Amino acid sequence: AKLAPEIQLECAPFLYQSAGIKWLFDHTGALLADFPGAGKSMQAILAARLLHRDGLIRQVLVICPKTIVGNWIDEFNSPPKCWWPQDKILVCKKDVRGFLRSSMLVKIMHYDALARLPIEFIETLPPHDLVICDEAARFKNPATSTARAVKALPALRRWALTGTPVENSIGDLASIVQFIIP
C-alpha cells in the first residue's frame, strides 16, 4: 500500500517517514514529534511539496530557531538532499513586515524576528497557506512573546515539529496544540 502520493526523489524516505508525510498531507493542523535526526523537516518539506503540486497551497512560511535557518535552506535545495529544489527561498533579513507580506512560495524566518512584532500587526497579515514551526518547544510557555506571536499568525494549515513535545508538564503540549488548533 502506498502511504504518500508519488513524487520523484533521489532517495526514498523510510516507511515511518512516508507515514509522517501522509499524516501531514492529510491534516491542516498536525504535530510531528520524533527523535532529533528522524527527518521531521524532510517530512514537512515533502508533504508541503505534495500539497503545492496538487494546488492546495501557494506559500509556505517556516519558523525555526535562528541557529537552524541554514539547515532548512539546505533541506530544501542542497545536494544530496534536495527535497524540494527552490530557486527562490526568501529568508527574513531586516524588513520583517515586508517579508511576512511577501508572496514568495517558500519563506524562512526565526522565532526572535517574529516575536519582536506587535501582535496587532501579525493578526492583520494575509493568511499563509501553511505555517511550519520547527522546534515547537520554543513556544511551550504560552505567556511568552514567541508563543503569542506564533499563535496570532493567520494560517490555513499549521504544523508543529518537535523532538520534545513535553519537557516539564502537559502544559507544554497544550501550548503547542493551541498553535495547531487555534
N, C-alpha and C. Protein backbone atom coordinates (compact mmCIF):
# COMPACT_ATOMS: atom_id res chain seq x y z
N ALA A 1 0.84 -1.18 0.00
CA ALA A 1 0.00 0.00 0.00
C ALA A 1 0.88 1.24 0.00
N LYS A 2 0.54 2.20 -0.82
CA LYS A 2 1.27 3.47 -0.85
C LYS A 2 0.83 4.32 0.32
N LEU A 3 1.80 4.91 0.99
CA LEU A 3 1.48 5.76 2.13
C LEU A 3 1.44 7.23 1.75
N ALA A 4 2.20 7.62 0.74
CA ALA A 4 2.24 9.02 0.34
C ALA A 4 2.07 9.09 -1.17
N PRO A 5 1.39 10.13 -1.67
CA PRO A 5 1.28 10.29 -3.11
C PRO A 5 2.68 10.36 -3.73
N GLU A 6 2.81 9.92 -4.96
CA GLU A 6 4.13 9.79 -5.57
C GLU A 6 4.71 11.11 -6.08
N ILE A 7 6.01 11.28 -5.85
CA ILE A 7 6.83 12.32 -6.46
C ILE A 7 8.20 11.70 -6.70
N GLN A 8 8.97 12.26 -7.62
CA GLN A 8 10.30 11.74 -7.93
C GLN A 8 11.32 12.27 -6.92
N LEU A 9 12.06 11.34 -6.32
CA LEU A 9 13.08 11.69 -5.34
C LEU A 9 14.37 10.94 -5.65
N GLU A 10 15.49 11.52 -5.25
CA GLU A 10 16.78 10.85 -5.42
C GLU A 10 16.90 9.63 -4.52
N CYS A 11 16.33 9.71 -3.32
CA CYS A 11 16.33 8.57 -2.40
C CYS A 11 14.96 8.52 -1.71
N ALA A 12 14.55 7.33 -1.39
CA ALA A 12 13.21 7.13 -0.82
C ALA A 12 13.22 7.33 0.69
N PRO A 13 12.17 7.95 1.21
CA PRO A 13 12.03 8.04 2.67
C PRO A 13 11.83 6.65 3.27
N PHE A 14 12.18 6.51 4.54
CA PHE A 14 11.88 5.27 5.26
C PHE A 14 10.37 5.15 5.41
N LEU A 15 9.90 3.95 5.71
CA LEU A 15 8.47 3.70 5.83
C LEU A 15 7.82 4.62 6.87
N TYR A 16 8.46 4.79 8.04
CA TYR A 16 7.88 5.67 9.07
C TYR A 16 7.84 7.12 8.60
N GLN A 17 8.82 7.53 7.77
CA GLN A 17 8.81 8.88 7.23
C GLN A 17 7.68 9.06 6.22
N SER A 18 7.43 8.04 5.41
CA SER A 18 6.31 8.09 4.46
C SER A 18 4.99 8.24 5.20
N ALA A 19 4.87 7.54 6.32
CA ALA A 19 3.66 7.67 7.14
C ALA A 19 3.53 9.09 7.69
N GLY A 20 4.65 9.69 8.10
CA GLY A 20 4.64 11.07 8.60
C GLY A 20 4.27 12.06 7.51
N ILE A 21 4.79 11.84 6.31
CA ILE A 21 4.46 12.70 5.17
C ILE A 21 2.97 12.64 4.89
N LYS A 22 2.43 11.44 4.86
CA LYS A 22 0.99 11.27 4.61
C LYS A 22 0.16 11.92 5.72
N TRP A 23 0.60 11.76 6.96
CA TRP A 23 -0.10 12.36 8.10
C TRP A 23 -0.19 13.88 7.94
N LEU A 24 0.94 14.50 7.64
CA LEU A 24 0.96 15.95 7.45
C LEU A 24 0.09 16.35 6.26
N PHE A 25 0.24 15.65 5.15
CA PHE A 25 -0.52 15.95 3.94
C PHE A 25 -2.03 15.95 4.21
N ASP A 26 -2.46 15.02 5.03
CA ASP A 26 -3.90 14.83 5.29
C ASP A 26 -4.47 15.74 6.37
N HIS A 27 -3.63 16.49 7.08
CA HIS A 27 -4.13 17.28 8.22
C HIS A 27 -3.76 18.76 8.11
N THR A 28 -4.74 19.61 8.36
CA THR A 28 -4.47 21.05 8.35
C THR A 28 -3.75 21.49 9.62
N GLY A 29 -3.95 20.77 10.69
CA GLY A 29 -3.24 21.02 11.94
C GLY A 29 -2.59 19.72 12.38
N ALA A 30 -1.26 19.74 12.58
CA ALA A 30 -0.59 18.49 12.93
C ALA A 30 0.65 18.75 13.78
N LEU A 31 0.92 17.80 14.66
CA LEU A 31 2.13 17.79 15.47
C LEU A 31 2.94 16.57 15.06
N LEU A 32 4.15 16.79 14.60
CA LEU A 32 5.06 15.70 14.26
C LEU A 32 6.16 15.72 15.31
N ALA A 33 6.11 14.75 16.23
CA ALA A 33 7.08 14.69 17.32
C ALA A 33 7.87 13.40 17.18
N ASP A 34 9.18 13.52 17.10
CA ASP A 34 10.03 12.36 16.95
C ASP A 34 11.43 12.73 17.42
N PHE A 35 12.29 11.75 17.51
CA PHE A 35 13.66 11.97 17.96
C PHE A 35 14.40 12.94 17.04
N PRO A 36 15.37 13.69 17.57
CA PRO A 36 16.20 14.52 16.70
C PRO A 36 16.89 13.65 15.65
N GLY A 37 16.93 14.15 14.44
CA GLY A 37 17.57 13.41 13.36
C GLY A 37 16.67 12.41 12.66
N ALA A 38 15.40 12.36 13.04
CA ALA A 38 14.48 11.39 12.45
C ALA A 38 13.90 11.87 11.11
N GLY A 39 14.20 13.10 10.73
CA GLY A 39 13.75 13.58 9.43
C GLY A 39 12.43 14.34 9.45
N LYS A 40 12.15 15.03 10.55
CA LYS A 40 10.90 15.79 10.63
C LYS A 40 10.83 16.90 9.59
N SER A 41 11.92 17.62 9.40
CA SER A 41 11.91 18.70 8.41
C SER A 41 11.73 18.14 7.01
N MET A 42 12.39 17.06 6.69
CA MET A 42 12.24 16.43 5.38
C MET A 42 10.78 16.01 5.15
N GLN A 43 10.15 15.43 6.16
CA GLN A 43 8.77 15.01 6.03
C GLN A 43 7.85 16.21 5.79
N ALA A 44 8.10 17.30 6.50
CA ALA A 44 7.29 18.50 6.34
C ALA A 44 7.49 19.10 4.94
N ILE A 45 8.74 19.13 4.48
CA ILE A 45 9.01 19.69 3.15
C ILE A 45 8.34 18.85 2.07
N LEU A 46 8.45 17.53 2.17
CA LEU A 46 7.84 16.68 1.14
C LEU A 46 6.31 16.75 1.17
N ALA A 47 5.73 16.83 2.36
CA ALA A 47 4.27 16.98 2.45
C ALA A 47 3.84 18.31 1.84
N ALA A 48 4.59 19.38 2.12
CA ALA A 48 4.28 20.69 1.54
C ALA A 48 4.45 20.66 0.02
N ARG A 49 5.47 19.98 -0.45
CA ARG A 49 5.69 19.85 -1.89
C ARG A 49 4.50 19.16 -2.57
N LEU A 50 3.99 18.12 -1.93
CA LEU A 50 2.82 17.42 -2.47
C LEU A 50 1.58 18.32 -2.47
N LEU A 51 1.40 19.06 -1.39
CA LEU A 51 0.27 19.99 -1.33
C LEU A 51 0.36 21.04 -2.42
N HIS A 52 1.57 21.55 -2.65
CA HIS A 52 1.77 22.55 -3.71
C HIS A 52 1.53 21.92 -5.08
N ARG A 53 2.05 20.74 -5.28
CA ARG A 53 1.85 20.04 -6.55
C ARG A 53 0.36 19.86 -6.86
N ASP A 54 -0.41 19.59 -5.84
CA ASP A 54 -1.85 19.38 -6.01
C ASP A 54 -2.65 20.68 -5.99
N GLY A 55 -1.97 21.82 -5.93
CA GLY A 55 -2.64 23.12 -5.95
C GLY A 55 -3.34 23.49 -4.67
N LEU A 56 -2.96 22.87 -3.56
CA LEU A 56 -3.63 23.12 -2.28
C LEU A 56 -2.96 24.21 -1.46
N ILE A 57 -1.71 24.53 -1.77
CA ILE A 57 -1.03 25.64 -1.12
C ILE A 57 -0.23 26.43 -2.15
N ARG A 58 -0.05 27.73 -1.86
CA ARG A 58 0.73 28.61 -2.75
C ARG A 58 1.93 29.23 -2.03
N GLN A 59 1.93 29.15 -0.72
CA GLN A 59 3.08 29.69 0.02
C GLN A 59 3.23 29.01 1.36
N VAL A 60 4.49 28.87 1.74
CA VAL A 60 4.86 28.19 2.97
C VAL A 60 5.73 29.14 3.80
N LEU A 61 5.40 29.26 5.06
CA LEU A 61 6.23 30.02 6.00
C LEU A 61 6.81 29.04 7.01
N VAL A 62 8.13 28.96 7.06
CA VAL A 62 8.82 28.13 8.04
C VAL A 62 9.37 29.05 9.12
N ILE A 63 9.09 28.72 10.38
CA ILE A 63 9.63 29.47 11.51
C ILE A 63 10.44 28.49 12.35
N CYS A 64 11.66 28.88 12.66
CA CYS A 64 12.56 27.99 13.39
C CYS A 64 13.53 28.84 14.21
N PRO A 65 14.31 28.21 15.09
CA PRO A 65 15.36 28.97 15.78
C PRO A 65 16.37 29.52 14.77
N LYS A 66 16.95 30.65 15.09
CA LYS A 66 17.91 31.31 14.20
C LYS A 66 19.07 30.38 13.83
N THR A 67 19.46 29.53 14.75
CA THR A 67 20.61 28.66 14.53
C THR A 67 20.38 27.57 13.48
N ILE A 68 19.13 27.32 13.11
CA ILE A 68 18.89 26.26 12.12
C ILE A 68 18.23 26.77 10.83
N VAL A 69 18.20 28.08 10.63
CA VAL A 69 17.69 28.61 9.36
C VAL A 69 18.47 28.01 8.19
N GLY A 70 19.79 27.95 8.31
CA GLY A 70 20.63 27.38 7.26
C GLY A 70 20.32 25.91 7.00
N ASN A 71 20.00 25.17 8.05
CA ASN A 71 19.62 23.75 7.88
C ASN A 71 18.38 23.63 7.01
N TRP A 72 17.40 24.52 7.24
CA TRP A 72 16.16 24.47 6.46
C TRP A 72 16.45 24.81 4.99
N ILE A 73 17.29 25.78 4.75
CA ILE A 73 17.65 26.11 3.36
C ILE A 73 18.30 24.89 2.71
N ASP A 74 19.22 24.25 3.44
CA ASP A 74 19.87 23.05 2.92
C ASP A 74 18.88 21.93 2.64
N GLU A 75 17.93 21.74 3.54
CA GLU A 75 16.94 20.67 3.35
C GLU A 75 16.11 20.90 2.08
N PHE A 76 15.84 22.14 1.76
CA PHE A 76 15.08 22.43 0.55
C PHE A 76 15.89 22.17 -0.71
N ASN A 77 17.13 22.65 -0.76
CA ASN A 77 17.77 22.63 -2.08
C ASN A 77 19.25 22.35 -2.14
N SER A 78 19.85 21.79 -1.13
CA SER A 78 21.27 21.49 -1.22
C SER A 78 21.52 20.00 -1.41
N PRO A 79 22.31 19.63 -2.42
CA PRO A 79 22.62 18.21 -2.61
C PRO A 79 23.29 17.66 -1.35
N PRO A 80 23.10 16.41 -1.00
CA PRO A 80 22.34 15.42 -1.75
C PRO A 80 20.86 15.39 -1.40
N LYS A 81 20.39 16.28 -0.52
CA LYS A 81 19.00 16.19 -0.05
C LYS A 81 18.02 16.65 -1.12
N CYS A 82 18.02 17.93 -1.41
CA CYS A 82 17.15 18.50 -2.45
C CYS A 82 15.72 17.97 -2.36
N TRP A 83 15.11 18.10 -1.20
CA TRP A 83 13.76 17.56 -1.04
C TRP A 83 12.74 18.34 -1.85
N TRP A 84 12.99 19.63 -2.07
CA TRP A 84 12.11 20.44 -2.90
C TRP A 84 12.94 21.57 -3.47
N PRO A 85 13.68 21.31 -4.52
CA PRO A 85 14.58 22.34 -5.04
C PRO A 85 13.83 23.63 -5.36
N GLN A 86 14.26 24.70 -4.74
CA GLN A 86 13.64 26.00 -4.93
C GLN A 86 14.72 27.01 -5.29
N ASP A 87 14.55 27.71 -6.39
CA ASP A 87 15.46 28.79 -6.72
C ASP A 87 15.21 29.99 -5.82
N LYS A 88 13.97 30.14 -5.41
CA LYS A 88 13.59 31.36 -4.70
C LYS A 88 13.06 31.04 -3.31
N ILE A 89 13.96 30.97 -2.38
CA ILE A 89 13.60 30.86 -0.97
C ILE A 89 13.92 32.22 -0.36
N LEU A 90 12.94 32.83 0.23
CA LEU A 90 13.15 34.14 0.84
C LEU A 90 13.45 33.92 2.32
N VAL A 91 14.58 34.42 2.76
CA VAL A 91 14.98 34.33 4.16
C VAL A 91 14.85 35.72 4.76
N CYS A 92 14.22 35.80 5.91
CA CYS A 92 13.99 37.08 6.57
C CYS A 92 15.32 37.68 7.02
N LYS A 93 15.57 38.90 6.59
CA LYS A 93 16.79 39.61 6.98
C LYS A 93 16.44 40.79 7.89
N LYS A 94 16.05 41.92 7.28
CA LYS A 94 15.78 43.12 8.09
C LYS A 94 14.33 43.54 8.06
N ASP A 95 13.72 43.61 6.89
CA ASP A 95 12.35 44.10 6.75
C ASP A 95 11.36 42.98 7.05
N VAL A 96 11.15 42.72 8.34
CA VAL A 96 10.31 41.61 8.77
C VAL A 96 8.87 41.80 8.29
N ARG A 97 8.37 43.00 8.35
CA ARG A 97 6.99 43.26 7.94
C ARG A 97 6.81 43.01 6.44
N GLY A 98 7.74 43.52 5.63
CA GLY A 98 7.68 43.27 4.19
C GLY A 98 7.85 41.80 3.86
N PHE A 99 8.74 41.15 4.60
CA PHE A 99 8.96 39.71 4.42
C PHE A 99 7.67 38.93 4.63
N LEU A 100 6.97 39.21 5.73
CA LEU A 100 5.75 38.46 6.03
C LEU A 100 4.63 38.75 5.04
N ARG A 101 4.64 39.91 4.41
CA ARG A 101 3.62 40.24 3.41
C ARG A 101 3.99 39.74 2.02
N SER A 102 5.21 39.28 1.84
CA SER A 102 5.68 38.79 0.54
C SER A 102 4.88 37.55 0.11
N SER A 103 4.75 37.38 -1.19
CA SER A 103 4.01 36.23 -1.70
C SER A 103 4.93 35.13 -2.23
N MET A 104 6.18 35.12 -1.81
CA MET A 104 7.12 34.07 -2.22
C MET A 104 6.58 32.70 -1.83
N LEU A 105 6.91 31.69 -2.61
CA LEU A 105 6.46 30.33 -2.33
C LEU A 105 6.99 29.82 -0.99
N VAL A 106 8.28 29.98 -0.75
CA VAL A 106 8.89 29.49 0.48
C VAL A 106 9.59 30.64 1.19
N LYS A 107 9.20 30.84 2.45
CA LYS A 107 9.82 31.88 3.29
C LYS A 107 10.28 31.22 4.58
N ILE A 108 11.46 31.62 5.04
CA ILE A 108 12.02 31.07 6.27
C ILE A 108 12.41 32.22 7.19
N MET A 109 11.98 32.14 8.43
CA MET A 109 12.34 33.16 9.41
C MET A 109 12.58 32.51 10.77
N HIS A 110 13.18 33.27 11.68
CA HIS A 110 13.42 32.74 13.03
C HIS A 110 12.42 33.34 14.02
N TYR A 111 12.24 32.62 15.11
CA TYR A 111 11.26 32.99 16.13
C TYR A 111 11.49 34.40 16.69
N ASP A 112 12.74 34.77 16.91
CA ASP A 112 13.01 36.06 17.54
C ASP A 112 12.51 37.22 16.70
N ALA A 113 12.66 37.12 15.37
CA ALA A 113 12.19 38.20 14.49
C ALA A 113 10.67 38.33 14.57
N LEU A 114 9.98 37.20 14.62
CA LEU A 114 8.52 37.24 14.71
C LEU A 114 8.08 37.78 16.07
N ALA A 115 8.73 37.36 17.13
CA ALA A 115 8.33 37.75 18.49
C ALA A 115 8.47 39.25 18.74
N ARG A 116 9.32 39.94 17.98
CA ARG A 116 9.52 41.38 18.17
C ARG A 116 8.39 42.22 17.55
N LEU A 117 7.55 41.60 16.72
CA LEU A 117 6.47 42.35 16.06
C LEU A 117 5.27 42.53 16.97
N PRO A 118 4.54 43.62 16.80
CA PRO A 118 3.30 43.79 17.57
C PRO A 118 2.25 42.75 17.14
N ILE A 119 1.57 42.21 18.10
CA ILE A 119 0.52 41.20 17.82
C ILE A 119 -0.52 41.79 16.87
N GLU A 120 -0.84 43.06 17.04
CA GLU A 120 -1.85 43.70 16.19
C GLU A 120 -1.43 43.65 14.71
N PHE A 121 -0.16 43.79 14.43
CA PHE A 121 0.33 43.69 13.05
C PHE A 121 0.22 42.25 12.56
N ILE A 122 0.66 41.30 13.37
CA ILE A 122 0.63 39.89 12.97
C ILE A 122 -0.79 39.45 12.63
N GLU A 123 -1.74 39.86 13.45
CA GLU A 123 -3.14 39.45 13.24
C GLU A 123 -3.72 40.00 11.95
N THR A 124 -3.16 41.08 11.40
CA THR A 124 -3.71 41.68 10.18
C THR A 124 -3.04 41.15 8.91
N LEU A 125 -2.07 40.24 9.05
CA LEU A 125 -1.41 39.68 7.87
C LEU A 125 -2.38 38.83 7.06
N PRO A 126 -2.19 38.78 5.74
CA PRO A 126 -2.97 37.81 4.97
C PRO A 126 -2.56 36.40 5.41
N PRO A 127 -3.48 35.46 5.44
CA PRO A 127 -3.13 34.12 5.93
C PRO A 127 -2.14 33.42 5.01
N HIS A 128 -1.18 32.77 5.62
CA HIS A 128 -0.28 31.89 4.87
C HIS A 128 -1.03 30.57 4.64
N ASP A 129 -0.75 29.93 3.53
CA ASP A 129 -1.39 28.63 3.27
C ASP A 129 -0.90 27.58 4.25
N LEU A 130 0.39 27.66 4.61
CA LEU A 130 0.98 26.70 5.54
C LEU A 130 2.04 27.39 6.38
N VAL A 131 1.94 27.22 7.69
CA VAL A 131 2.99 27.67 8.60
C VAL A 131 3.55 26.42 9.28
N ILE A 132 4.87 26.25 9.16
CA ILE A 132 5.57 25.14 9.79
C ILE A 132 6.44 25.73 10.90
N CYS A 133 6.22 25.29 12.13
CA CYS A 133 7.05 25.73 13.25
C CYS A 133 7.94 24.58 13.69
N ASP A 134 9.24 24.74 13.46
CA ASP A 134 10.20 23.73 13.88
C ASP A 134 10.69 24.06 15.28
N GLU A 135 11.08 23.00 16.00
CA GLU A 135 11.49 23.17 17.41
C GLU A 135 10.37 23.89 18.16
N ALA A 136 9.18 23.32 18.05
CA ALA A 136 7.97 23.95 18.61
C ALA A 136 8.02 24.11 20.12
N ALA A 137 8.94 23.44 20.78
CA ALA A 137 9.08 23.64 22.22
C ALA A 137 9.47 25.08 22.54
N ARG A 138 9.88 25.84 21.52
CA ARG A 138 10.22 27.26 21.71
C ARG A 138 9.02 28.06 22.21
N PHE A 139 7.80 27.56 21.95
CA PHE A 139 6.63 28.30 22.43
C PHE A 139 5.78 27.45 23.37
N LYS A 140 6.45 26.62 24.16
CA LYS A 140 5.74 25.77 25.14
C LYS A 140 5.14 26.59 26.28
N ASN A 141 5.72 27.74 26.55
CA ASN A 141 5.19 28.62 27.59
C ASN A 141 4.27 29.63 26.91
N PRO A 142 2.96 29.52 27.13
CA PRO A 142 2.01 30.39 26.43
C PRO A 142 2.12 31.87 26.80
N ALA A 143 2.83 32.19 27.86
CA ALA A 143 2.94 33.59 28.31
C ALA A 143 4.05 34.35 27.58
N THR A 144 4.87 33.66 26.79
CA THR A 144 5.99 34.34 26.13
C THR A 144 5.53 35.10 24.88
N SER A 145 6.35 36.08 24.51
CA SER A 145 6.04 36.84 23.28
C SER A 145 6.14 35.93 22.06
N THR A 146 7.01 34.94 22.09
CA THR A 146 7.12 33.99 20.97
C THR A 146 5.82 33.21 20.81
N ALA A 147 5.30 32.68 21.90
CA ALA A 147 4.05 31.90 21.84
C ALA A 147 2.90 32.77 21.35
N ARG A 148 2.80 33.97 21.86
CA ARG A 148 1.70 34.85 21.44
C ARG A 148 1.82 35.20 19.96
N ALA A 149 3.03 35.45 19.48
CA ALA A 149 3.24 35.82 18.08
C ALA A 149 2.92 34.65 17.14
N VAL A 150 3.42 33.48 17.46
CA VAL A 150 3.18 32.30 16.61
C VAL A 150 1.69 32.00 16.53
N LYS A 151 1.01 32.07 17.66
CA LYS A 151 -0.42 31.73 17.69
C LYS A 151 -1.28 32.79 17.02
N ALA A 152 -0.75 34.02 16.87
CA ALA A 152 -1.51 35.09 16.22
C ALA A 152 -1.42 35.04 14.70
N LEU A 153 -0.49 34.27 14.16
CA LEU A 153 -0.32 34.20 12.71
C LEU A 153 -1.55 33.62 12.03
N PRO A 154 -2.13 34.33 11.07
CA PRO A 154 -3.23 33.75 10.31
C PRO A 154 -2.66 32.67 9.36
N ALA A 155 -3.25 31.49 9.40
CA ALA A 155 -2.77 30.39 8.56
C ALA A 155 -3.91 29.41 8.28
N LEU A 156 -3.88 28.83 7.09
CA LEU A 156 -4.86 27.82 6.72
C LEU A 156 -4.45 26.43 7.21
N ARG A 157 -3.16 26.19 7.26
CA ARG A 157 -2.59 24.94 7.77
C ARG A 157 -1.48 25.29 8.75
N ARG A 158 -1.41 24.50 9.83
CA ARG A 158 -0.41 24.76 10.88
C ARG A 158 0.21 23.43 11.30
N TRP A 159 1.51 23.33 11.12
CA TRP A 159 2.23 22.13 11.54
C TRP A 159 3.31 22.50 12.54
N ALA A 160 3.43 21.72 13.58
CA ALA A 160 4.47 21.89 14.58
C ALA A 160 5.38 20.66 14.56
N LEU A 161 6.68 20.90 14.60
CA LEU A 161 7.67 19.82 14.62
C LEU A 161 8.48 19.96 15.89
N THR A 162 8.68 18.86 16.59
CA THR A 162 9.47 18.93 17.81
C THR A 162 9.97 17.55 18.21
N GLY A 163 11.12 17.54 18.86
CA GLY A 163 11.63 16.31 19.45
C GLY A 163 11.23 16.20 20.91
N THR A 164 10.72 17.30 21.46
CA THR A 164 10.36 17.32 22.89
C THR A 164 9.01 18.02 23.10
N PRO A 165 7.90 17.33 22.79
CA PRO A 165 6.60 17.97 22.97
C PRO A 165 6.25 18.24 24.43
N VAL A 166 6.81 17.44 25.34
CA VAL A 166 6.57 17.65 26.77
C VAL A 166 7.94 17.64 27.45
N GLU A 167 8.36 18.79 27.95
CA GLU A 167 9.63 18.86 28.67
C GLU A 167 9.41 18.94 30.17
N ASN A 168 8.46 19.77 30.59
CA ASN A 168 8.25 19.98 32.02
C ASN A 168 6.89 19.52 32.50
N SER A 169 5.85 19.77 31.70
CA SER A 169 4.49 19.42 32.12
C SER A 169 3.60 19.26 30.89
N ILE A 170 2.43 18.77 31.08
CA ILE A 170 1.47 18.61 29.99
C ILE A 170 1.08 19.98 29.41
N GLY A 171 1.30 21.05 30.18
CA GLY A 171 1.06 22.40 29.69
C GLY A 171 1.93 22.75 28.49
N ASP A 172 3.13 22.16 28.41
CA ASP A 172 3.99 22.36 27.24
C ASP A 172 3.27 21.92 25.98
N LEU A 173 2.70 20.72 26.04
CA LEU A 173 1.98 20.16 24.89
C LEU A 173 0.73 20.98 24.60
N ALA A 174 0.05 21.42 25.64
CA ALA A 174 -1.18 22.21 25.45
C ALA A 174 -0.88 23.50 24.69
N SER A 175 0.24 24.14 24.99
CA SER A 175 0.59 25.37 24.29
C SER A 175 0.85 25.11 22.81
N ILE A 176 1.53 24.01 22.49
CA ILE A 176 1.78 23.67 21.09
C ILE A 176 0.48 23.37 20.37
N VAL A 177 -0.42 22.65 21.04
CA VAL A 177 -1.72 22.31 20.44
C VAL A 177 -2.54 23.58 20.20
N GLN A 178 -2.40 24.59 21.04
CA GLN A 178 -3.11 25.86 20.83
C GLN A 178 -2.66 26.53 19.55
N PHE A 179 -1.41 26.31 19.12
CA PHE A 179 -0.96 26.80 17.83
C PHE A 179 -1.58 25.97 16.69
N ILE A 180 -1.55 24.66 16.85
CA ILE A 180 -2.04 23.76 15.79
C ILE A 180 -3.54 23.93 15.56
N ILE A 181 -4.27 24.00 16.65
CA ILE A 181 -5.73 24.13 16.59
C ILE A 181 -6.11 25.36 17.40
N PRO A 182 -6.12 26.55 16.73
CA PRO A 182 -6.38 27.78 17.49
C PRO A 182 -7.77 27.80 18.13
